[in-house]
Amino acid sequence: MSSDSKSLIAASAKGATGSQKLGTVQTLICGGMAGVMSRTFTAPLDVTKILFQVQTESISGDSKGKGYTSFSGALVQIFKEEGVKGLWKGNVVACLRLGPYSAVKYYTYETTKDYFADASGKIPDINRAMCGALAGIMAVITTYPLDLVKTRLTVQKEGKALDGTVMKKTYNGTWDCLTKVASQEGFSGLYKGLTPTIAGVIPFEAVQFTFYNWIKEFREKQKADAGNGKLSTFDFLILGCISGAVAQTFAYPFDLMRKRFMAQSNAPGMLKTNYTSTWGCAKEIIANEGFLGLYKGTVPNLLKVAPYAAIMWATYEQTRRFFEWVNESGKNPWKKN
């Protein structure tokens, strides 16, 4: 390996996204941009995934119109019943949640990773996984009520169903949903499903940060040996796509269960289930829907997670590069000269 290649790998080993440390505000902006961009571009896929996750009817072809049976069929039905806006249901609150979520996640990771580095500055995989898990936990705790609201707004329907049923909204926006849930279900109702969410985010973010950095360093070495320079936007898109798909495979059942808990309510249009614990929810799903019931919506989820993670990482990496240029050129308004 050439000396340039070695120095490049050593530098990249110091963090998730490059060797230069950014300021607090800059890191938060990078993370926030990544969350908003990735959610907005993949909103229809996320809506479809959530509706599959909270569907308690069979997904087989003999469900007699009581539920969605295929990804493409679900997209078409949503469009017919609710129009284009139905595919972007809850996107505003999702961005209000994912912007801060992603900002907190990346900031926590970038802040804690230095404490887990060894004497040479390299972060062992197990330590990187711990940083990723901690970042995920902090992000979930700080933004969870908005995640629940996003799910409720996505699950509810408005318009005319294919069978002629007139569907009316239960919640009229983010604030209305927050206040109704708090008043009707108690303040703790805003945190329904928190346990399976944290149980799922730990392996998801641990695997995602570890796997992403591992394949990123591998790709950087390839390009350095070939003399092709730094990674491109396309490289970041591919690396993010792969790492997101791998991480979600580990954590998907927890994601499904948290959506069930979030949508569980006596309010019109919500799930009338009675899950009381993560383990109890898993057992009931397996008993009533089979083991594959834990993976309902996994196809639209992977179709969503792959581009979502790709856009998220590419946006984060390129926004970081912009701020690195800003700092190097002396144009940083937050830095005193």
Protein backbone atom coordinates (compact mmCIF):
# COMPACT_ATOMS: atom_id res chain seq x y z
CA MET A 1 0.00 0.00 0.00
CA SER A 2 1.33 3.46 -0.87
CA SER A 3 2.11 6.07 1.82
CA ASP A 4 -0.71 8.28 0.51
CA SER A 5 -3.13 5.40 0.81
CA LYS A 6 -2.04 4.71 4.40
CA SER A 7 -2.43 8.32 5.43
CA LEU A 8 -5.87 8.50 3.86
CA ILE A 9 -7.08 5.40 5.69
CA ALA A 10 -5.64 6.64 8.98
CA ALA A 11 -7.43 9.94 8.58
CA SER A 12 -10.74 8.37 7.70
CA ALA A 13 -10.52 6.02 10.69
CA LYS A 14 -10.91 8.99 13.02
CA GLY A 15 -14.57 9.56 12.31
CA ALA A 16 -17.65 8.69 10.40
CA THR A 17 -17.23 11.21 7.68
CA GLY A 18 -13.81 12.67 7.34
CA SER A 19 -10.83 13.84 9.40
CA GLN A 20 -11.71 17.49 10.06
CA LYS A 21 -13.77 18.25 13.14
CA LEU A 22 -16.67 20.62 12.56
CA GLY A 23 -18.30 23.00 15.01
CA THR A 24 -21.43 22.09 16.95
CA VAL A 25 -23.79 24.17 14.80
CA GLN A 26 -22.22 22.86 11.60
CA THR A 27 -22.59 19.23 12.66
CA LEU A 28 -26.20 19.78 13.69
CA ILE A 29 -26.98 21.43 10.33
CA CYS A 30 -25.34 18.54 8.45
CA GLY A 31 -27.40 15.99 10.34
CA GLY A 32 -30.62 17.99 10.05
CA MET A 33 -30.21 18.41 6.29
CA ALA A 34 -29.56 14.69 5.90
CA GLY A 35 -32.74 13.79 7.79
CA VAL A 36 -35.05 16.20 5.93
CA MET A 37 -33.74 15.39 2.45
CA SER A 38 -33.83 11.62 2.91
CA ARG A 39 -37.36 11.60 4.35
CA THR A 40 -38.88 13.92 1.73
CA PHE A 41 -37.54 11.98 -1.24
CA THR A 42 -38.69 8.63 0.15
CA ALA A 43 -42.00 9.65 1.77
CA PRO A 44 -44.32 7.52 -0.46
CA LEU A 45 -42.28 4.42 0.34
CA ASP A 46 -42.38 5.15 4.07
CA VAL A 47 -46.15 5.73 4.03
CA THR A 48 -46.69 2.40 2.26
CA LYS A 49 -44.38 0.61 4.68
CA ILE A 50 -46.19 1.97 7.74
CA LEU A 51 -49.62 1.00 6.41
CA PHE A 52 -48.36 -2.56 5.88
CA GLN A 53 -46.88 -2.65 9.39
CA VAL A 54 -50.10 -1.64 11.13
CA GLN A 55 -52.29 -3.91 8.98
CA THR A 56 -53.51 -6.83 11.09
CA GLU A 57 -55.27 -8.59 8.19
CA SER A 58 -53.48 -11.24 6.16
CA ILE A 59 -51.32 -10.00 3.31
CA SER A 60 -52.21 -13.03 1.19
CA GLY A 61 -54.18 -12.59 -2.00
CA ASP A 62 -57.38 -13.90 -0.39
CA SER A 63 -57.79 -11.02 2.08
CA LYS A 64 -61.00 -10.01 0.22
CA GLY A 65 -60.18 -6.34 -0.03
CA LYS A 66 -59.71 -5.86 3.73
CA GLY A 67 -56.04 -4.98 3.44
CA TYR A 68 -53.12 -4.35 1.16
CA THR A 69 -51.72 -7.45 -0.55
CA SER A 70 -48.78 -6.05 -2.52
CA PHE A 71 -46.47 -3.04 -2.54
CA SER A 72 -47.55 -1.78 -5.96
CA GLY A 73 -51.20 -2.46 -5.14
CA ALA A 74 -50.90 -0.44 -1.93
CA LEU A 75 -49.39 2.54 -3.77
CA VAL A 76 -52.19 2.46 -6.35
CA GLN A 77 -54.91 2.12 -3.70
CA ILE A 78 -53.53 4.99 -1.62
CA PHE A 79 -53.40 7.16 -4.73
CA LYS A 80 -56.96 6.27 -5.75
CA GLU A 81 -58.41 6.80 -2.28
CA GLU A 82 -56.47 9.84 -1.13
CA GLY A 83 -54.70 11.28 -4.15
CA VAL A 84 -51.05 12.32 -4.43
CA LYS A 85 -51.13 14.02 -1.02
CA GLY A 86 -51.91 10.63 0.52
CA LEU A 87 -48.43 9.45 -0.46
CA TRP A 88 -46.87 12.30 1.51
CA LYS A 89 -49.09 12.02 4.58
CA GLY A 90 -47.31 13.13 7.71
CA ASN A 91 -44.25 14.39 5.82
CA VAL A 92 -44.20 17.76 7.60
CA VAL A 93 -44.17 16.23 11.06
CA ALA A 94 -41.78 13.54 9.82
CA CYS A 95 -39.32 16.23 8.77
CA LEU A 96 -39.88 18.11 12.04
CA ARG A 97 -38.91 14.88 13.75
CA LEU A 98 -36.22 13.53 11.41
CA GLY A 99 -34.37 16.83 11.12
CA PRO A 100 -33.67 17.00 14.88
CA TYR A 101 -33.38 13.19 15.09
CA SER A 102 -30.64 13.06 12.50
CA ALA A 103 -28.97 16.17 13.90
CA VAL A 104 -28.83 14.72 17.42
CA LYS A 105 -27.73 11.32 16.11
CA TYR A 106 -24.76 12.57 14.11
CA TYR A 107 -23.77 15.14 16.71
CA THR A 108 -23.77 12.51 19.46
CA TYR A 109 -21.71 10.14 17.34
CA GLU A 110 -19.18 12.77 16.29
CA THR A 111 -18.88 14.00 19.89
CA THR A 112 -18.44 10.61 21.56
CA LYS A 113 -16.30 8.76 19.00
CA ASP A 114 -13.09 10.50 20.05
CA TYR A 115 -13.43 9.12 23.56
CA PHE A 116 -13.52 5.56 22.19
CA ALA A 117 -10.46 5.84 19.92
CA ASP A 118 -7.33 3.86 20.72
CA ALA A 119 -3.82 5.30 21.12
CA SER A 120 -3.32 5.48 17.35
CA GLY A 121 -6.56 7.41 16.83
CA LYS A 122 -8.36 4.47 15.26
CA ILE A 123 -11.80 3.49 16.55
CA PRO A 124 -12.22 -0.29 17.00
CA ASP A 125 -15.39 -1.69 15.49
CA ILE A 126 -16.92 -2.60 18.86
CA ASN A 127 -16.35 0.95 20.13
CA ARG A 128 -17.78 2.41 16.95
CA ALA A 129 -20.84 0.22 17.41
CA MET A 130 -21.25 1.53 20.97
CA CYS A 131 -21.07 5.12 19.71
CA GLY A 132 -23.66 4.38 17.05
CA ALA A 133 -26.00 2.73 19.57
CA LEU A 134 -25.65 5.67 21.99
CA ALA A 135 -26.31 8.12 19.15
CA GLY A 136 -29.48 6.26 18.23
CA ILE A 137 -30.75 6.16 21.82
CA MET A 138 -30.21 9.89 22.32
CA ALA A 139 -31.94 10.71 19.04
CA VAL A 140 -34.97 8.53 19.85
CA ILE A 141 -35.48 9.94 23.34
CA THR A 142 -35.34 13.57 22.20
CA THR A 143 -37.75 13.22 19.26
CA TYR A 144 -40.04 10.28 20.09
CA PRO A 145 -43.43 12.08 20.46
CA LEU A 146 -43.09 13.48 16.94
CA ASP A 147 -42.40 9.98 15.63
CA LEU A 148 -45.63 8.77 17.21
CA VAL A 149 -47.56 11.71 15.74
CA LYS A 150 -46.12 11.00 12.30
CA THR A 151 -47.33 7.41 12.55
CA ARG A 152 -50.83 8.43 13.67
CA LEU A 153 -51.14 10.97 10.83
CA THR A 154 -49.97 8.34 8.35
CA VAL A 155 -52.34 5.63 9.55
CA GLN A 156 -55.47 7.79 9.47
CA LYS A 157 -57.32 8.09 6.16
CA GLU A 158 -59.37 10.79 4.52
CA GLY A 159 -61.51 10.47 1.42
CA LYS A 160 -63.58 7.69 -0.08
CA ALA A 161 -62.46 4.06 0.12
CA LEU A 162 -62.73 1.74 -2.87
CA ASP A 163 -65.73 0.08 -1.21
CA GLY A 164 -67.53 3.42 -0.92
CA THR A 165 -66.83 4.04 2.76
CA VAL A 166 -66.29 7.71 3.60
CA MET A 167 -63.15 8.13 5.71
CA LYS A 168 -62.70 11.13 8.01
CA LYS A 169 -59.53 12.33 9.66
CA THR A 170 -59.10 11.79 13.39
CA TYR A 171 -56.32 14.35 13.77
CA ASN A 172 -56.03 17.74 12.07
CA GLY A 173 -52.29 18.21 12.01
CA THR A 174 -49.31 17.82 14.30
CA TRP A 175 -50.42 20.00 17.22
CA ASP A 176 -53.96 18.61 17.20
CA CYS A 177 -52.58 15.07 17.33
CA LEU A 178 -50.16 15.90 20.16
CA THR A 179 -52.86 17.50 22.30
CA LYS A 180 -55.49 14.82 21.63
CA VAL A 181 -53.13 11.96 22.42
CA ALA A 182 -51.95 13.66 25.62
CA SER A 183 -55.49 14.44 26.80
CA GLN A 184 -57.14 11.15 25.77
CA GLU A 185 -54.33 8.70 26.50
CA GLY A 186 -52.23 10.59 29.02
CA PHE A 187 -48.75 12.07 28.63
CA SER A 188 -47.32 8.55 28.57
CA GLY A 189 -49.41 7.94 25.45
CA LEU A 190 -46.91 10.08 23.55
CA TYR A 191 -44.27 7.45 24.34
CA LYS A 192 -46.16 4.31 23.35
CA GLY A 193 -43.74 1.84 21.80
CA LEU A 194 -40.62 3.49 23.24
CA THR A 195 -39.22 0.18 24.53
CA PRO A 196 -39.26 -1.71 21.20
CA THR A 197 -38.04 1.47 19.50
CA ILE A 198 -34.94 1.66 21.68
CA ALA A 199 -34.49 -2.11 21.44
CA GLY A 200 -34.52 -1.75 17.65
CA VAL A 201 -32.44 1.41 17.30
CA ILE A 202 -29.52 -0.05 19.26
CA PRO A 203 -28.67 -2.80 16.74
CA PHE A 204 -29.75 -0.63 13.78
CA GLU A 205 -27.48 2.34 14.46
CA ALA A 206 -24.68 0.17 15.85
CA VAL A 207 -24.60 -1.91 12.67
CA GLN A 208 -25.17 1.05 10.36
CA PHE A 209 -22.34 3.24 11.69
CA THR A 210 -19.94 0.31 11.97
CA PHE A 211 -20.71 -1.21 8.59
CA TYR A 212 -20.80 2.15 6.79
CA ASN A 213 -17.40 3.20 8.10
CA TRP A 214 -15.93 -0.22 7.42
CA ILE A 215 -16.96 -0.28 3.74
CA LYS A 216 -16.15 3.43 3.40
CA GLU A 217 -12.56 2.84 4.51
CA PHE A 218 -12.35 -0.14 2.15
CA ARG A 219 -13.58 2.00 -0.76
CA GLU A 220 -11.21 4.84 0.16
CA LYS A 221 -8.30 2.40 0.06
CA GLN A 222 -9.41 1.16 -3.36
CA LYS A 223 -9.58 4.67 -4.79
CA ALA A 224 -6.32 5.71 -3.14
CA ASP A 225 -4.45 2.71 -4.57
CA ALA A 226 -5.91 3.46 -8.00
CA GLY A 227 -5.04 7.15 -7.71
CA ASN A 228 -8.67 8.21 -8.20
CA GLY A 229 -8.81 10.74 -5.36
CA LYS A 230 -11.60 11.27 -2.85
CA LEU A 231 -14.97 9.54 -2.76
CA SER A 232 -17.72 10.89 -5.02
CA THR A 233 -21.39 11.48 -4.33
CA PHE A 234 -22.15 8.24 -6.15
CA ASP A 235 -19.77 6.39 -3.79
CA PHE A 236 -21.59 7.80 -0.77
CA LEU A 237 -24.97 6.84 -2.24
CA ILE A 238 -23.88 3.23 -2.77
CA LEU A 239 -22.19 2.95 0.65
CA GLY A 240 -25.22 4.39 2.42
CA CYS A 241 -27.59 2.13 0.49
CA ILE A 242 -25.70 -1.02 1.47
CA SER A 243 -25.19 -0.12 5.12
CA GLY A 244 -28.83 0.92 5.56
CA ALA A 245 -30.14 -2.33 4.06
CA VAL A 246 -27.84 -4.48 6.22
CA ALA A 247 -28.73 -2.59 9.43
CA GLN A 248 -32.47 -2.67 8.80
CA THR A 249 -32.42 -6.43 8.25
CA PHE A 250 -31.26 -6.84 11.85
CA ALA A 251 -33.78 -4.46 13.39
CA TYR A 252 -36.97 -4.75 11.30
CA PRO A 253 -39.24 -6.72 13.72
CA PHE A 254 -38.66 -4.05 16.38
CA ASP A 255 -39.58 -1.36 13.87
CA LEU A 256 -42.83 -3.14 13.06
CA MET A 257 -43.75 -3.59 16.72
CA ARG A 258 -43.10 0.03 17.60
CA LYS A 259 -45.43 1.11 14.80
CA ARG A 260 -48.12 -1.21 16.18
CA PHE A 261 -47.75 0.35 19.64
CA MET A 262 -47.82 3.87 18.19
CA ALA A 263 -51.00 3.21 16.21
CA GLN A 264 -52.75 1.41 19.09
CA SER A 265 -55.57 3.63 20.34
CA ASN A 266 -59.34 3.81 20.87
CA ALA A 267 -59.42 6.87 18.58
CA PRO A 268 -61.25 6.35 15.25
CA GLY A 269 -59.13 4.90 12.49
CA MET A 270 -56.42 3.59 14.82
CA LEU A 271 -55.52 -0.02 15.77
CA LYS A 272 -57.86 -1.64 18.29
CA THR A 273 -55.22 -4.10 19.48
CA ASN A 274 -54.21 -4.53 23.12
CA TYR A 275 -50.46 -5.04 23.18
CA THR A 276 -48.98 -4.55 26.64
CA SER A 277 -45.31 -5.45 26.17
CA THR A 278 -42.75 -5.97 23.44
CA TRP A 279 -42.56 -9.71 24.07
CA GLY A 280 -46.34 -9.98 24.29
CA CYS A 281 -46.71 -8.07 21.04
CA ALA A 282 -44.26 -10.39 19.28
CA LYS A 283 -46.03 -13.51 20.56
CA GLU A 284 -49.46 -12.24 19.51
CA ILE A 285 -48.26 -11.31 16.03
CA ILE A 286 -46.66 -14.72 15.53
CA ALA A 287 -49.76 -16.51 16.85
CA ASN A 288 -52.25 -14.58 14.72
CA GLU A 289 -50.23 -13.69 11.65
CA GLY A 290 -47.41 -16.22 11.58
CA PHE A 291 -43.68 -15.61 12.06
CA LEU A 292 -43.53 -13.68 8.79
CA GLY A 293 -46.03 -11.29 10.34
CA LEU A 294 -43.01 -9.72 12.06
CA TYR A 295 -41.69 -8.88 8.61
CA LYS A 296 -44.84 -7.37 7.10
CA GLY A 297 -43.85 -4.50 4.87
CA THR A 298 -40.24 -5.61 4.68
CA VAL A 299 -40.19 -5.30 0.87
CA PRO A 300 -41.44 -1.70 0.77
CA ASN A 301 -39.25 -1.06 3.80
CA LEU A 302 -36.09 -2.21 2.02
CA LEU A 303 -37.18 -0.28 -1.08
CA LYS A 304 -37.47 2.73 1.21
CA VAL A 305 -34.45 2.17 3.48
CA ALA A 306 -31.96 1.69 0.66
CA PRO A 307 -32.56 5.06 -1.04
CA TYR A 308 -33.28 6.70 2.33
CA ALA A 309 -29.91 5.70 3.77
CA ALA A 310 -28.18 6.50 0.48
CA ILE A 311 -29.58 10.04 0.38
CA MET A 312 -28.98 10.54 4.10
CA TRP A 313 -25.30 9.61 4.04
CA ALA A 314 -24.58 11.37 0.73
CA THR A 315 -26.25 14.57 1.99
CA TYR A 316 -24.38 14.39 5.28
CA GLU A 317 -21.01 13.74 3.66
CA GLN A 318 -21.35 16.48 1.05
CA THR A 319 -22.68 19.02 3.57
CA ARG A 320 -19.67 18.22 5.74
CA ARG A 321 -17.37 18.84 2.79
CA PHE A 322 -19.01 22.19 2.22
CA PHE A 323 -18.44 23.22 5.83
CA GLU A 324 -14.87 21.94 5.71
CA TRP A 325 -14.31 24.20 2.70
CA VAL A 326 -15.98 27.07 4.59
CA ASN A 327 -13.64 26.56 7.55
CA GLU A 328 -10.52 26.22 5.42
CA SER A 329 -11.35 29.33 3.38
CA GLY A 330 -11.98 31.41 6.49
CA LYS A 331 -15.63 32.06 5.67
CA ASN A 332 -17.08 30.47 8.82
CA PRO A 333 -19.39 33.09 10.45
CA TRP A 334 -19.32 31.19 13.78
CA LYS A 335 -15.52 31.17 14.02
CA LYS A 336 -13.70 34.12 15.52
CA ASN A 337 -10.62 35.22 13.56
